[in-house]
Amino acid sequence: MWKKVEPILKKRGITPHRLSLMMGDKNDSNVYALKNGKIKRPSFDLILRIAKALDVSLDVFR
């Protein structure tokens, strides 16, 4: 999943920390766990929040 998120972040100049803030998270743990491979199968809620924060379709993450 991170392989699909990372290029979007790089293209837009968004850091993982900023993504967390855009998602409304109080800390970075979900985003960094995803980035570091600690979350192998992210929940639908997490995927949805990332998609909304980045203003992209859920289809991007298929």
PDB file of N, CA and C in Angstrom:
ATOM      1  N   MET A   1       0.826  -1.194   0.000  1.00  0.00           N
ATOM      2  CA  MET A   1       0.000   0.000   0.000  1.00  0.00           C
ATOM      3  C   MET A   1       0.868   1.255   0.000  1.00  0.00           C
ATOM      4  N   TRP A   2       1.944   1.247   0.798  1.00  0.00           N
ATOM      5  CA  TRP A   2       2.797   2.444   0.870  1.00  0.00           C
ATOM      6  C   TRP A   2       3.403   2.763  -0.485  1.00  0.00           C
ATOM      7  N   LYS A   3       3.643   1.728  -1.285  1.00  0.00           N
ATOM      8  CA  LYS A   3       4.221   1.945  -2.619  1.00  0.00           C
ATOM      9  C   LYS A   3       3.299   2.784  -3.499  1.00  0.00           C
ATOM     10  N   LYS A   4       2.026   2.797  -3.177  1.00  0.00           N
ATOM     11  CA  LYS A   4       1.075   3.607  -3.940  1.00  0.00           C
ATOM     12  C   LYS A   4       0.899   4.995  -3.335  1.00  0.00           C
ATOM     13  N   VAL A   5       1.116   5.115  -2.034  1.00  0.00           N
ATOM     14  CA  VAL A   5       0.968   6.402  -1.341  1.00  0.00           C
ATOM     15  C   VAL A   5       2.201   7.277  -1.551  1.00  0.00           C
ATOM     16  N   GLU A   6       3.368   6.681  -1.426  1.00  0.00           N
ATOM     17  CA  GLU A   6       4.621   7.443  -1.458  1.00  0.00           C
ATOM     18  C   GLU A   6       4.805   8.306  -2.710  1.00  0.00           C
ATOM     19  N   PRO A   7       4.547   7.790  -3.919  1.00  0.00           N
ATOM     20  CA  PRO A   7       4.723   8.654  -5.098  1.00  0.00           C
ATOM     21  C   PRO A   7       3.804   9.879  -5.089  1.00  0.00           C
ATOM     22  N   ILE A   8       2.602   9.708  -4.554  1.00  0.00           N
ATOM     23  CA  ILE A   8       1.669  10.841  -4.472  1.00  0.00           C
ATOM     24  C   ILE A   8       2.223  11.891  -3.517  1.00  0.00           C
ATOM     25  N   LEU A   9       2.740  11.430  -2.383  1.00  0.00           N
ATOM     26  CA  LEU A   9       3.316  12.360  -1.406  1.00  0.00           C
ATOM     27  C   LEU A   9       4.504  13.104  -2.006  1.00  0.00           C
ATOM     28  N   LYS A  10       5.393  12.368  -2.660  1.00  0.00           N
ATOM     29  CA  LYS A  10       6.582  12.996  -3.251  1.00  0.00           C
ATOM     30  C   LYS A  10       6.205  14.013  -4.316  1.00  0.00           C
ATOM     31  N   LYS A  11       5.254  13.647  -5.166  1.00  0.00           N
ATOM     32  CA  LYS A  11       4.831  14.542  -6.241  1.00  0.00           C
ATOM     33  C   LYS A  11       4.259  15.845  -5.690  1.00  0.00           C
ATOM     34  N   ARG A  12       3.582  15.747  -4.547  1.00  0.00           N
ATOM     35  CA  ARG A  12       2.927  16.918  -3.957  1.00  0.00           C
ATOM     36  C   ARG A  12       3.754  17.595  -2.866  1.00  0.00           C
ATOM     37  N   GLY A  13       4.912  17.023  -2.555  1.00  0.00           N
ATOM     38  CA  GLY A  13       5.764  17.609  -1.520  1.00  0.00           C
ATOM     39  C   GLY A  13       5.181  17.482  -0.124  1.00  0.00           C
ATOM     40  N   ILE A  14       4.495  16.379   0.129  1.00  0.00           N
ATOM     41  CA  ILE A  14       3.853  16.141   1.424  1.00  0.00           C
ATOM     42  C   ILE A  14       4.682  15.128   2.208  1.00  0.00           C
ATOM     43  N   THR A  15       4.984  15.441   3.444  1.00  0.00           N
ATOM     44  CA  THR A  15       5.710  14.516   4.313  1.00  0.00           C
ATOM     45  C   THR A  15       4.719  13.553   4.969  1.00  0.00           C
ATOM     46  N   PRO A  16       5.208  12.412   5.462  1.00  0.00           N
ATOM     47  CA  PRO A  16       4.317  11.513   6.200  1.00  0.00           C
ATOM     48  C   PRO A  16       3.667  12.215   7.401  1.00  0.00           C
ATOM     49  N   HIS A  17       4.427  13.067   8.076  1.00  0.00           N
ATOM     50  CA  HIS A  17       3.871  13.807   9.216  1.00  0.00           C
ATOM     51  C   HIS A  17       2.713  14.693   8.763  1.00  0.00           C
ATOM     52  N   ARG A  18       2.902  15.382   7.663  1.00  0.00           N
ATOM     53  CA  ARG A  18       1.834  16.264   7.154  1.00  0.00           C
ATOM     54  C   ARG A  18       0.615  15.447   6.734  1.00  0.00           C
ATOM     55  N   LEU A  19       0.842  14.289   6.141  1.00  0.00           N
ATOM     56  CA  LEU A  19      -0.279  13.418   5.783  1.00  0.00           C
ATOM     57  C   LEU A  19      -1.074  13.054   7.031  1.00  0.00           C
ATOM     58  N   SER A  20      -0.382  12.721   8.104  1.00  0.00           N
ATOM     59  CA  SER A  20      -1.064  12.402   9.364  1.00  0.00           C
ATOM     60  C   SER A  20      -1.945  13.556   9.808  1.00  0.00           C
ATOM     61  N   LEU A  21      -1.404  14.764   9.729  1.00  0.00           N
ATOM     62  CA  LEU A  21      -2.182  15.945  10.115  1.00  0.00           C
ATOM     63  C   LEU A  21      -3.384  16.133   9.190  1.00  0.00           C
ATOM     64  N   MET A  22      -3.176  15.918   7.902  1.00  0.00           N
ATOM     65  CA  MET A  22      -4.264  16.063   6.929  1.00  0.00           C
ATOM     66  C   MET A  22      -5.371  15.039   7.185  1.00  0.00           C
ATOM     67  N   MET A  23      -4.988  13.884   7.735  1.00  0.00           N
ATOM     68  CA  MET A  23      -5.946  12.829   8.048  1.00  0.00           C
ATOM     69  C   MET A  23      -6.663  13.088   9.364  1.00  0.00           C
ATOM     70  N   GLY A  24      -6.181  14.066  10.126  1.00  0.00           N
ATOM     71  CA  GLY A  24      -6.789  14.359  11.416  1.00  0.00           C
ATOM     72  C   GLY A  24      -6.248  13.517  12.550  1.00  0.00           C
ATOM     73  N   ASP A  25      -5.146  12.809  12.308  1.00  0.00           N
ATOM     74  CA  ASP A  25      -4.539  11.995  13.363  1.00  0.00           C
ATOM     75  C   ASP A  25      -3.783  12.881  14.334  1.00  0.00           C
ATOM     76  N   LYS A  26      -3.834  12.515  15.600  1.00  0.00           N
ATOM     77  CA  LYS A  26      -3.126  13.286  16.624  1.00  0.00           C
ATOM     78  C   LYS A  26      -1.642  12.919  16.669  1.00  0.00           C
ATOM     79  N   ASN A  27      -1.306  11.758  16.130  1.00  0.00           N
ATOM     80  CA  ASN A  27       0.108  11.379  16.050  1.00  0.00           C
ATOM     81  C   ASN A  27       0.359  10.688  14.713  1.00  0.00           C
ATOM     82  N   ASP A  28       1.603  10.375  14.471  1.00  0.00           N
ATOM     83  CA  ASP A  28       2.026   9.826  13.179  1.00  0.00           C
ATOM     84  C   ASP A  28       2.029   8.300  13.127  1.00  0.00           C
ATOM     85  N   SER A  29       1.589   7.642  14.189  1.00  0.00           N
ATOM     86  CA  SER A  29       1.817   6.204  14.300  1.00  0.00           C
ATOM     87  C   SER A  29       1.235   5.394  13.142  1.00  0.00           C
ATOM     88  N   ASN A  30       0.025   5.689  12.706  1.00  0.00           N
ATOM     89  CA  ASN A  30      -0.562   4.910  11.603  1.00  0.00           C
ATOM     90  C   ASN A  30       0.213   5.080  10.310  1.00  0.00           C
ATOM     91  N   VAL A  31       0.545   6.305   9.977  1.00  0.00           N
ATOM     92  CA  VAL A  31       1.249   6.564   8.716  1.00  0.00           C
ATOM     93  C   VAL A  31       2.645   5.943   8.748  1.00  0.00           C
ATOM     94  N   TYR A  32       3.368   6.117   9.847  1.00  0.00           N
ATOM     95  CA  TYR A  32       4.716   5.552   9.918  1.00  0.00           C
ATOM     96  C   TYR A  32       4.688   4.028  10.014  1.00  0.00           C
ATOM     97  N   ALA A  33       3.673   3.463  10.664  1.00  0.00           N
ATOM     98  CA  ALA A  33       3.544   2.004  10.703  1.00  0.00           C
ATOM     99  C   ALA A  33       3.299   1.465   9.296  1.00  0.00           C
ATOM    100  N   LEU A  34       2.500   2.172   8.529  1.00  0.00           N
ATOM    101  CA  LEU A  34       2.260   1.785   7.136  1.00  0.00           C
ATOM    102  C   LEU A  34       3.544   1.923   6.324  1.00  0.00           C
ATOM    103  N   LYS A  35       4.226   3.040   6.505  1.00  0.00           N
ATOM    104  CA  LYS A  35       5.471   3.300   5.773  1.00  0.00           C
ATOM    105  C   LYS A  35       6.538   2.252   6.084  1.00  0.00           C
ATOM    106  N   ASN A  36       6.641   1.864   7.351  1.00  0.00           N
ATOM    107  CA  ASN A  36       7.680   0.927   7.783  1.00  0.00           C
ATOM    108  C   ASN A  36       7.282  -0.537   7.631  1.00  0.00           C
ATOM    109  N   GLY A  37       6.122  -0.791   7.033  1.00  0.00           N
ATOM    110  CA  GLY A  37       5.698  -2.166   6.788  1.00  0.00           C
ATOM    111  C   GLY A  37       5.125  -2.876   7.988  1.00  0.00           C
ATOM    112  N   LYS A  38       4.841  -2.159   9.055  1.00  0.00           N
ATOM    113  CA  LYS A  38       4.273  -2.790  10.249  1.00  0.00           C
ATOM    114  C   LYS A  38       2.783  -3.061  10.083  1.00  0.00           C
ATOM    115  N   ILE A  39       2.148  -2.328   9.184  1.00  0.00           N
ATOM    116  CA  ILE A  39       0.754  -2.599   8.835  1.00  0.00           C
ATOM    117  C   ILE A  39       0.776  -3.226   7.446  1.00  0.00           C
ATOM    118  N   LYS A  40       0.553  -4.531   7.411  1.00  0.00           N
ATOM    119  CA  LYS A  40       0.595  -5.260   6.136  1.00  0.00           C
ATOM    120  C   LYS A  40      -0.721  -5.129   5.377  1.00  0.00           C
ATOM    121  N   ARG A  41      -1.823  -5.165   6.118  1.00  0.00           N
ATOM    122  CA  ARG A  41      -3.151  -5.073   5.510  1.00  0.00           C
ATOM    123  C   ARG A  41      -3.915  -3.952   6.202  1.00  0.00           C
ATOM    124  N   PRO A  42      -3.802  -2.740   5.697  1.00  0.00           N
ATOM    125  CA  PRO A  42      -4.465  -1.606   6.340  1.00  0.00           C
ATOM    126  C   PRO A  42      -5.985  -1.756   6.324  1.00  0.00           C
ATOM    127  N   SER A  43      -6.606  -1.230   7.355  1.00  0.00           N
ATOM    128  CA  SER A  43      -8.065  -1.279   7.439  1.00  0.00           C
ATOM    129  C   SER A  43      -8.676  -0.394   6.356  1.00  0.00           C
ATOM    130  N   PHE A  44      -9.929  -0.680   6.041  1.00  0.00           N
ATOM    131  CA  PHE A  44     -10.632   0.147   5.065  1.00  0.00           C
ATOM    132  C   PHE A  44     -10.695   1.582   5.559  1.00  0.00           C
ATOM    133  N   ASP A  45     -10.898   1.767   6.861  1.00  0.00           N
ATOM    134  CA  ASP A  45     -10.966   3.117   7.434  1.00  0.00           C
ATOM    135  C   ASP A  45      -9.672   3.885   7.186  1.00  0.00           C
ATOM    136  N   LEU A  46      -8.534   3.236   7.385  1.00  0.00           N
ATOM    137  CA  LEU A  46      -7.248   3.902   7.170  1.00  0.00           C
ATOM    138  C   LEU A  46      -7.071   4.266   5.691  1.00  0.00           C
ATOM    139  N   ILE A  47      -7.398   3.340   4.812  1.00  0.00           N
ATOM    140  CA  ILE A  47      -7.289   3.610   3.376  1.00  0.00           C
ATOM    141  C   ILE A  47      -8.210   4.762   2.980  1.00  0.00           C
ATOM    142  N   LEU A  48      -9.418   4.754   3.499  1.00  0.00           N
ATOM    143  CA  LEU A  48     -10.381   5.810   3.184  1.00  0.00           C
ATOM    144  C   LEU A  48      -9.892   7.170   3.673  1.00  0.00           C
ATOM    145  N   ARG A  49      -9.341   7.221   4.888  1.00  0.00           N
ATOM    146  CA  ARG A  49      -8.840   8.488   5.425  1.00  0.00           C
ATOM    147  C   ARG A  49      -7.654   9.011   4.622  1.00  0.00           C
ATOM    148  N   ILE A  50      -6.787   8.115   4.165  1.00  0.00           N
ATOM    149  CA  ILE A  50      -5.658   8.533   3.325  1.00  0.00           C
ATOM    150  C   ILE A  50      -6.178   9.069   1.993  1.00  0.00           C
ATOM    151  N   ALA A  51      -7.113   8.353   1.389  1.00  0.00           N
ATOM    152  CA  ALA A  51      -7.677   8.788   0.102  1.00  0.00           C
ATOM    153  C   ALA A  51      -8.342  10.157   0.227  1.00  0.00           C
ATOM    154  N   LYS A  52      -9.105  10.346   1.290  1.00  0.00           N
ATOM    155  CA  LYS A  52      -9.769  11.643   1.495  1.00  0.00           C
ATOM    156  C   LYS A  52      -8.744  12.746   1.724  1.00  0.00           C
ATOM    157  N   ALA A  53      -7.727  12.468   2.529  1.00  0.00           N
ATOM    158  CA  ALA A  53      -6.704  13.483   2.820  1.00  0.00           C
ATOM    159  C   ALA A  53      -5.963  13.893   1.555  1.00  0.00           C
ATOM    160  N   LEU A  54      -5.725  12.941   0.665  1.00  0.00           N
ATOM    161  CA  LEU A  54      -4.993  13.222  -0.570  1.00  0.00           C
ATOM    162  C   LEU A  54      -5.922  13.601  -1.722  1.00  0.00           C
ATOM    163  N   ASP A  55      -7.217  13.535  -1.468  1.00  0.00           N
ATOM    164  CA  ASP A  55      -8.223  13.859  -2.485  1.00  0.00           C
ATOM    165  C   ASP A  55      -8.026  13.010  -3.743  1.00  0.00           C
ATOM    166  N   VAL A  56      -7.921  11.693  -3.510  1.00  0.00           N
ATOM    167  CA  VAL A  56      -7.798  10.745  -4.617  1.00  0.00           C
ATOM    168  C   VAL A  56      -8.881   9.679  -4.474  1.00  0.00           C
ATOM    169  N   SER A  57      -9.169   9.006  -5.560  1.00  0.00           N
ATOM    170  CA  SER A  57     -10.143   7.925  -5.567  1.00  0.00           C
ATOM    171  C   SER A  57      -9.574   6.709  -4.840  1.00  0.00           C
ATOM    172  N   LEU A  58     -10.462   5.924  -4.241  1.00  0.00           N
ATOM    173  CA  LEU A  58     -10.028   4.673  -3.620  1.00  0.00           C
ATOM    174  C   LEU A  58      -9.415   3.733  -4.654  1.00  0.00           C
ATOM    175  N   ASP A  59      -9.789   3.893  -5.909  1.00  0.00           N
ATOM    176  CA  ASP A  59      -9.251   3.046  -6.978  1.00  0.00           C
ATOM    177  C   ASP A  59      -7.734   3.148  -7.091  1.00  0.00           C
ATOM    178  N   VAL A  60      -7.175   4.249  -6.648  1.00  0.00           N
ATOM    179  CA  VAL A  60      -5.718   4.440  -6.685  1.00  0.00           C
ATOM    180  C   VAL A  60      -5.019   3.353  -5.873  1.00  0.00           C
ATOM    181  N   PHE A  61      -5.685   2.848  -4.846  1.00  0.00           N
ATOM    182  CA  PHE A  61      -5.052   1.908  -3.926  1.00  0.00           C
ATOM    183  C   PHE A  61      -5.397   0.452  -4.202  1.00  0.00           C
ATOM    184  N   ARG A  62      -5.969   0.168  -5.364  1.00  0.00           N
ATOM    185  CA  ARG A  62      -6.281  -1.231  -5.712  1.00  0.00           C
ATOM    186  C   ARG A  62      -5.046  -1.979  -6.091  1.00  0.00           C
TER     187      ARG A  62
END
